[in-house]
Amino acid sequence: MDDRTDEIDDLPRRPWEPTSAQGSDRSATAVPVPVAADPPRDPGTSHPEGPSGSPRTHSSEHRHAVRRRPSAGLAWARETVIILGSALVLSLLVKTFLVQAFFIPSSSMHDTLVENDRILVSKLTPGPFDLRHGDIVVFKDPGGWLDPSVAEERSAVGEVVNDALTWVGLLPQDAGSHLVKRIIGLPGDHVACAGPGSPVTVNGVAIEEDYLAEGAVPSEVAFDKVVPDGFLWVMGDNRQHSADSRFNTGKPGGGFVPIDNVVGVAFVTVWPLARASVLHNPSDVFADVPAASAAG
């Protein structure tokens, strides 16, 4: 029995099997268990793992991508809404604080402005900038200057759409309650005219008005006024066809326009394109007019 055992011990042993000398420690020895090697991966292929550590299949990746990606139609609609909303907000801000469009309905400002001209009005004046002699201003009716006009017939929906587009500044403001004239007298100025054949004077200085309509005279009616503080004296360039300060002395305000009623100063004609031009202030016409305080 002992010899047989010795012969068996002399047989080749596996690396992890203990020798006979180690037999007493066999129960305390950890025997490593071979683990199958991971299958080789293609170095050029990505194998993302799922939550359990197993590789995801291409079909599962596709389903996740489809689930995450919004449809092209919804993305386009969302971008369109954002762009239109931004444009409307920007237009409203511009109209409220910077520029507003108006159209000209009458001949009172010929030949500077004619019917159906579209003009832009700067709302920075009055405000950061001061009003000047010769400025063309758009202002709210001080009271009774405009005859009641027949409103353009529109459907209820058309009226709502027109009002909404005008409110945000995408359509020009109509002249239902606004007028456009040129400033002749500023607060404190003494404005006067002796009547047909006589020039208009401002603070005692006659002005030569080269912007008047062809054939127009400075004034066919006489007037002699001192402009109150906070008010303006305005006249149209087509004097014989302009219901301006001269013809409203019996109305609220005595023919003067409150500066608070001024929307802004017209600075450019934008439509029709054939008449597009910058509206310059005729500063040379009033160059020799002294300030009201100096004239007084």
Protein backbone atom coordinates (compact mmCIF):
# COMPACT_ATOMS: atom_id res chain seq x y z
CA MET A 1 0.00 0.00 0.00
CA ASP A 2 2.77 2.42 0.82
CA ASP A 3 4.71 1.64 -2.39
CA ARG A 4 1.59 2.22 -4.50
CA THR A 5 1.02 5.45 -2.84
CA ASP A 6 4.57 6.55 -3.52
CA GLU A 7 4.21 5.69 -7.16
CA ILE A 8 1.08 7.71 -7.42
CA ASP A 9 2.77 10.65 -5.73
CA ASP A 10 5.53 10.51 -8.29
CA LEU A 11 3.07 11.08 -11.12
CA PRO A 12 3.07 14.56 -12.72
CA ARG A 13 0.89 17.02 -10.83
CA ARG A 14 -1.20 19.91 -12.06
CA PRO A 15 0.10 23.31 -10.99
CA TRP A 16 -2.69 23.91 -8.55
CA GLU A 17 -2.57 20.51 -6.88
CA PRO A 18 -0.64 20.41 -3.58
CA THR A 19 2.26 18.07 -3.01
CA SER A 20 2.09 15.37 -0.39
CA ALA A 21 3.95 17.65 1.94
CA GLN A 22 1.18 20.13 1.62
CA GLY A 23 -1.62 17.67 2.15
CA SER A 24 -2.34 18.82 5.64
CA ASP A 25 -2.98 22.32 4.31
CA ARG A 26 -5.22 21.23 1.40
CA SER A 27 -8.41 22.43 3.03
CA ALA A 28 -7.00 25.96 3.46
CA THR A 29 -5.71 26.40 -0.09
CA ALA A 30 -7.81 28.42 -2.61
CA VAL A 31 -7.91 26.79 -5.98
CA PRO A 32 -8.34 29.26 -8.82
CA VAL A 33 -11.11 28.42 -11.25
CA PRO A 34 -10.36 29.12 -14.89
CA VAL A 35 -12.57 31.85 -16.36
CA ALA A 36 -13.42 31.91 -19.99
CA ALA A 37 -11.83 34.87 -21.75
CA ASP A 38 -14.08 37.59 -23.13
CA PRO A 39 -14.67 37.21 -26.86
CA PRO A 40 -12.43 39.50 -28.90
CA ARG A 41 -14.02 42.79 -29.94
CA ASP A 42 -13.59 44.49 -33.22
CA PRO A 43 -11.43 47.56 -32.36
CA GLY A 44 -13.33 49.66 -34.87
CA THR A 45 -16.77 48.79 -33.51
CA SER A 46 -18.48 50.40 -30.55
CA HIS A 47 -20.25 48.06 -28.18
CA PRO A 48 -22.18 50.15 -25.66
CA GLU A 49 -23.38 48.22 -22.71
CA GLY A 50 -26.89 48.20 -21.35
CA PRO A 51 -27.86 48.65 -17.70
CA SER A 52 -26.96 45.01 -16.93
CA GLY A 53 -23.57 45.25 -18.61
CA SER A 54 -24.58 43.31 -21.73
CA PRO A 55 -24.01 44.95 -25.11
CA ARG A 56 -26.98 46.73 -26.62
CA THR A 57 -28.21 45.54 -29.94
CA HIS A 58 -28.51 47.86 -32.94
CA SER A 59 -32.29 47.48 -32.89
CA SER A 60 -32.50 48.69 -29.28
CA GLU A 61 -30.25 51.67 -30.10
CA HIS A 62 -32.49 52.56 -33.04
CA ARG A 63 -35.61 52.39 -30.88
CA HIS A 64 -34.02 54.70 -28.29
CA ALA A 65 -32.93 57.17 -31.00
CA VAL A 66 -36.38 57.25 -32.56
CA ARG A 67 -37.94 57.75 -29.14
CA ARG A 68 -35.62 60.69 -28.33
CA ARG A 69 -35.69 62.52 -31.69
CA PRO A 70 -38.68 64.92 -32.22
CA SER A 71 -40.35 64.84 -35.59
CA ALA A 72 -39.12 67.28 -38.23
CA GLY A 73 -42.57 68.83 -38.50
CA LEU A 74 -42.79 69.64 -34.80
CA ALA A 75 -39.27 71.10 -34.77
CA TRP A 76 -40.08 73.32 -37.76
CA ALA A 77 -43.34 74.50 -36.18
CA ARG A 78 -41.60 75.30 -32.90
CA GLU A 79 -38.86 77.30 -34.64
CA THR A 80 -41.45 79.19 -36.71
CA VAL A 81 -43.44 80.14 -33.61
CA ILE A 82 -40.27 81.34 -31.86
CA ILE A 83 -39.20 83.44 -34.87
CA LEU A 84 -42.64 85.00 -35.36
CA GLY A 85 -43.04 85.67 -31.66
CA SER A 86 -39.63 87.33 -31.48
CA ALA A 87 -40.42 89.45 -34.55
CA LEU A 88 -43.73 90.62 -33.05
CA VAL A 89 -42.13 91.50 -29.72
CA LEU A 90 -39.32 93.38 -31.47
CA SER A 91 -41.79 95.24 -33.69
CA LEU A 92 -43.89 96.22 -30.67
CA LEU A 93 -40.83 97.47 -28.80
CA VAL A 94 -39.66 99.49 -31.81
CA LYS A 95 -43.12 101.02 -32.29
CA THR A 96 -43.47 101.81 -28.60
CA PHE A 97 -40.08 103.38 -28.01
CA LEU A 98 -38.35 104.20 -31.31
CA VAL A 99 -40.22 104.44 -34.61
CA GLN A 100 -43.83 104.35 -35.79
CA ALA A 101 -45.22 104.31 -39.33
CA PHE A 102 -48.02 106.60 -40.55
CA PHE A 103 -49.68 107.26 -43.88
CA ILE A 104 -50.71 110.62 -45.26
CA PRO A 105 -54.44 110.94 -46.08
CA SER A 106 -54.70 114.55 -47.30
CA SER A 107 -53.03 117.31 -49.32
CA SER A 108 -52.29 119.68 -46.42
CA MET A 109 -48.53 119.03 -46.60
CA HIS A 110 -48.03 119.27 -50.38
CA ASP A 111 -45.48 119.16 -51.91
CA THR A 112 -43.39 117.74 -49.09
CA LEU A 113 -45.86 114.93 -48.41
CA VAL A 114 -48.69 113.78 -50.67
CA GLU A 115 -51.67 111.50 -50.29
CA ASN A 116 -50.85 107.87 -49.48
CA ASP A 117 -47.21 108.55 -48.63
CA ARG A 118 -45.91 106.30 -45.86
CA ILE A 119 -43.64 108.02 -43.39
CA LEU A 120 -41.62 106.92 -40.37
CA VAL A 121 -41.79 108.98 -37.20
CA SER A 122 -39.02 109.07 -34.60
CA LYS A 123 -40.42 108.77 -31.09
CA LEU A 124 -37.15 109.97 -29.58
CA THR A 125 -38.36 113.53 -30.22
CA PRO A 126 -39.73 115.01 -28.08
CA GLY A 127 -37.80 113.16 -25.43
CA PRO A 128 -34.06 112.65 -25.55
CA PHE A 129 -33.96 115.19 -28.42
CA ASP A 130 -35.59 118.63 -28.54
CA LEU A 131 -38.17 119.84 -31.02
CA ARG A 132 -36.95 122.45 -33.50
CA HIS A 133 -38.47 125.06 -35.78
CA GLY A 134 -39.33 123.42 -39.10
CA ASP A 135 -39.76 119.88 -37.76
CA ILE A 136 -42.61 117.91 -39.34
CA VAL A 137 -44.55 116.42 -36.43
CA VAL A 138 -47.35 113.89 -36.08
CA PHE A 139 -49.66 114.68 -33.16
CA LYS A 140 -52.97 113.65 -31.67
CA ASP A 141 -55.93 115.89 -32.36
CA PRO A 142 -56.00 118.54 -29.58
CA GLY A 143 -59.79 118.59 -29.86
CA GLY A 144 -62.08 119.29 -32.80
CA TRP A 145 -59.44 119.82 -35.47
CA LEU A 146 -60.53 116.77 -37.46
CA ASP A 147 -63.96 116.32 -38.97
CA PRO A 148 -65.62 113.01 -38.13
CA SER A 149 -64.57 110.66 -40.91
CA VAL A 150 -66.38 107.67 -42.28
CA ALA A 151 -64.44 104.61 -41.25
CA GLU A 152 -63.38 102.18 -43.92
CA GLU A 153 -65.82 99.29 -44.02
CA ARG A 154 -64.26 96.06 -42.81
CA SER A 155 -65.59 92.77 -41.53
CA ALA A 156 -65.38 92.15 -37.80
CA VAL A 157 -62.45 89.78 -38.35
CA GLY A 158 -60.75 92.24 -40.70
CA GLU A 159 -61.11 95.01 -38.13
CA VAL A 160 -59.54 92.87 -35.40
CA VAL A 161 -56.64 91.81 -37.65
CA ASN A 162 -56.04 95.38 -38.84
CA ASP A 163 -56.07 96.76 -35.29
CA ALA A 164 -53.75 94.01 -34.05
CA LEU A 165 -51.20 94.52 -36.84
CA THR A 166 -51.33 98.29 -36.35
CA TRP A 167 -50.90 97.89 -32.60
CA VAL A 168 -47.70 95.85 -32.98
CA GLY A 169 -46.41 98.21 -35.68
CA LEU A 170 -46.68 95.94 -38.73
CA LEU A 171 -49.20 98.28 -40.39
CA PRO A 172 -48.98 102.08 -40.51
CA GLN A 173 -51.22 104.05 -38.18
CA ASP A 174 -54.16 105.64 -39.97
CA ALA A 175 -54.94 109.33 -39.55
CA GLY A 176 -58.23 108.82 -37.75
CA SER A 177 -57.07 110.82 -34.72
CA HIS A 178 -53.67 112.16 -35.81
CA LEU A 179 -52.48 115.12 -37.87
CA VAL A 180 -49.17 116.01 -39.52
CA LYS A 181 -47.95 119.64 -39.71
CA ARG A 182 -44.76 121.69 -39.55
CA ILE A 183 -43.62 123.49 -36.40
CA ILE A 184 -43.53 127.26 -36.90
CA GLY A 185 -43.63 128.42 -33.28
CA LEU A 186 -42.02 126.89 -30.18
CA PRO A 187 -43.00 127.71 -26.57
CA GLY A 188 -42.58 131.44 -25.93
CA ASP A 189 -42.31 132.39 -29.62
CA HIS A 190 -44.20 135.35 -31.07
CA VAL A 191 -45.68 134.24 -34.42
CA ALA A 192 -47.53 136.62 -36.72
CA CYS A 193 -48.60 137.39 -40.29
CA ALA A 194 -50.34 140.48 -41.63
CA GLY A 195 -52.31 138.47 -44.18
CA PRO A 196 -52.10 137.85 -47.95
CA GLY A 197 -48.85 139.08 -49.47
CA SER A 198 -47.06 139.26 -46.11
CA PRO A 199 -44.51 136.78 -44.78
CA VAL A 200 -44.82 134.87 -41.56
CA THR A 201 -42.63 136.31 -38.81
CA VAL A 202 -41.18 134.48 -35.80
CA ASN A 203 -39.94 136.67 -32.96
CA GLY A 204 -40.00 139.64 -35.32
CA VAL A 205 -37.95 138.01 -38.10
CA ALA A 206 -39.60 137.29 -41.47
CA ILE A 207 -38.95 133.76 -42.71
CA GLU A 208 -38.70 132.75 -46.36
CA GLU A 209 -40.46 129.39 -46.55
CA ASP A 210 -39.08 127.54 -49.57
CA TYR A 211 -40.93 124.34 -48.60
CA LEU A 212 -44.41 125.76 -49.37
CA ALA A 213 -46.51 124.13 -52.08
CA GLU A 214 -46.18 125.66 -55.52
CA GLY A 215 -48.42 128.75 -55.74
CA ALA A 216 -49.14 128.83 -51.99
CA VAL A 217 -48.86 132.09 -50.00
CA PRO A 218 -47.54 132.22 -46.41
CA SER A 219 -51.05 132.87 -45.06
CA GLU A 220 -54.31 134.18 -46.47
CA VAL A 221 -55.47 135.09 -42.96
CA ALA A 222 -53.83 137.38 -40.43
CA PHE A 223 -52.75 136.16 -36.98
CA ASP A 224 -50.65 137.41 -34.10
CA LYS A 225 -49.98 134.96 -31.27
CA VAL A 226 -47.54 134.18 -28.47
CA VAL A 227 -47.09 130.44 -28.00
CA PRO A 228 -47.78 129.34 -24.40
CA ASP A 229 -45.29 127.22 -22.47
CA GLY A 230 -45.73 123.52 -23.28
CA PHE A 231 -47.44 124.21 -26.64
CA LEU A 232 -46.62 124.57 -30.37
CA TRP A 233 -47.89 126.64 -33.30
CA VAL A 234 -48.10 124.45 -36.41
CA MET A 235 -48.97 125.05 -40.07
CA GLY A 236 -49.26 122.92 -43.20
CA ASP A 237 -47.02 123.44 -46.24
CA ASN A 238 -50.06 123.71 -48.52
CA ARG A 239 -51.36 126.78 -46.69
CA GLN A 240 -54.58 127.24 -48.66
CA HIS A 241 -55.58 123.62 -47.97
CA SER A 242 -54.49 123.14 -44.38
CA ALA A 243 -56.75 123.36 -41.32
CA ASP A 244 -53.88 124.15 -38.96
CA SER A 245 -53.34 126.40 -35.91
CA ARG A 246 -54.66 129.47 -37.78
CA PHE A 247 -58.13 127.99 -38.20
CA ASN A 248 -58.54 126.38 -34.78
CA THR A 249 -58.12 129.36 -32.46
CA GLY A 250 -61.72 128.93 -31.28
CA LYS A 251 -61.19 125.24 -30.40
CA PRO A 252 -59.84 123.76 -27.14
CA GLY A 253 -56.25 124.96 -26.75
CA GLY A 254 -56.80 128.09 -28.86
CA GLY A 255 -55.12 126.62 -31.94
CA PHE A 256 -52.01 125.55 -30.06
CA VAL A 257 -50.85 121.93 -29.92
CA PRO A 258 -49.79 120.48 -26.55
CA ILE A 259 -46.29 119.06 -26.76
CA ASP A 260 -47.65 116.06 -24.84
CA ASN A 261 -49.81 115.29 -27.90
CA VAL A 262 -46.80 114.98 -30.20
CA VAL A 263 -46.11 111.38 -31.23
CA GLY A 264 -42.80 112.20 -32.89
CA VAL A 265 -40.92 113.84 -35.75
CA ALA A 266 -41.21 112.51 -39.33
CA PHE A 267 -37.76 111.80 -40.72
CA VAL A 268 -38.22 109.70 -43.87
CA THR A 269 -40.74 108.81 -46.57
CA VAL A 270 -40.55 105.07 -47.21
CA TRP A 271 -43.42 104.46 -49.66
CA PRO A 272 -44.03 104.59 -52.55
CA LEU A 273 -40.46 103.79 -53.52
CA ALA A 274 -40.46 106.47 -56.21
CA ARG A 275 -40.94 109.08 -53.44
CA ALA A 276 -38.68 107.53 -50.82
CA SER A 277 -36.51 110.28 -49.33
CA VAL A 278 -35.15 111.73 -46.11
CA LEU A 279 -37.19 114.58 -44.63
CA HIS A 280 -34.59 117.18 -43.75
CA ASN A 281 -35.19 119.97 -41.28
CA PRO A 282 -35.08 123.36 -43.11
CA SER A 283 -32.77 124.87 -40.54
CA ASP A 284 -31.65 127.63 -42.93
CA VAL A 285 -35.22 129.03 -43.01
CA PHE A 286 -35.10 129.71 -39.26
CA ALA A 287 -31.37 130.42 -38.99
CA ASP A 288 -31.88 134.12 -38.18
CA VAL A 289 -34.78 133.63 -35.75
CA PRO A 290 -33.71 134.57 -32.20
CA ALA A 291 -34.67 132.45 -29.23
CA ALA A 292 -37.91 133.46 -27.54
CA SER A 293 -36.13 134.71 -24.41
CA ALA A 294 -33.78 136.89 -26.49
CA ALA A 295 -36.67 138.28 -28.54
CA GLY A 296 -38.67 139.15 -25.43
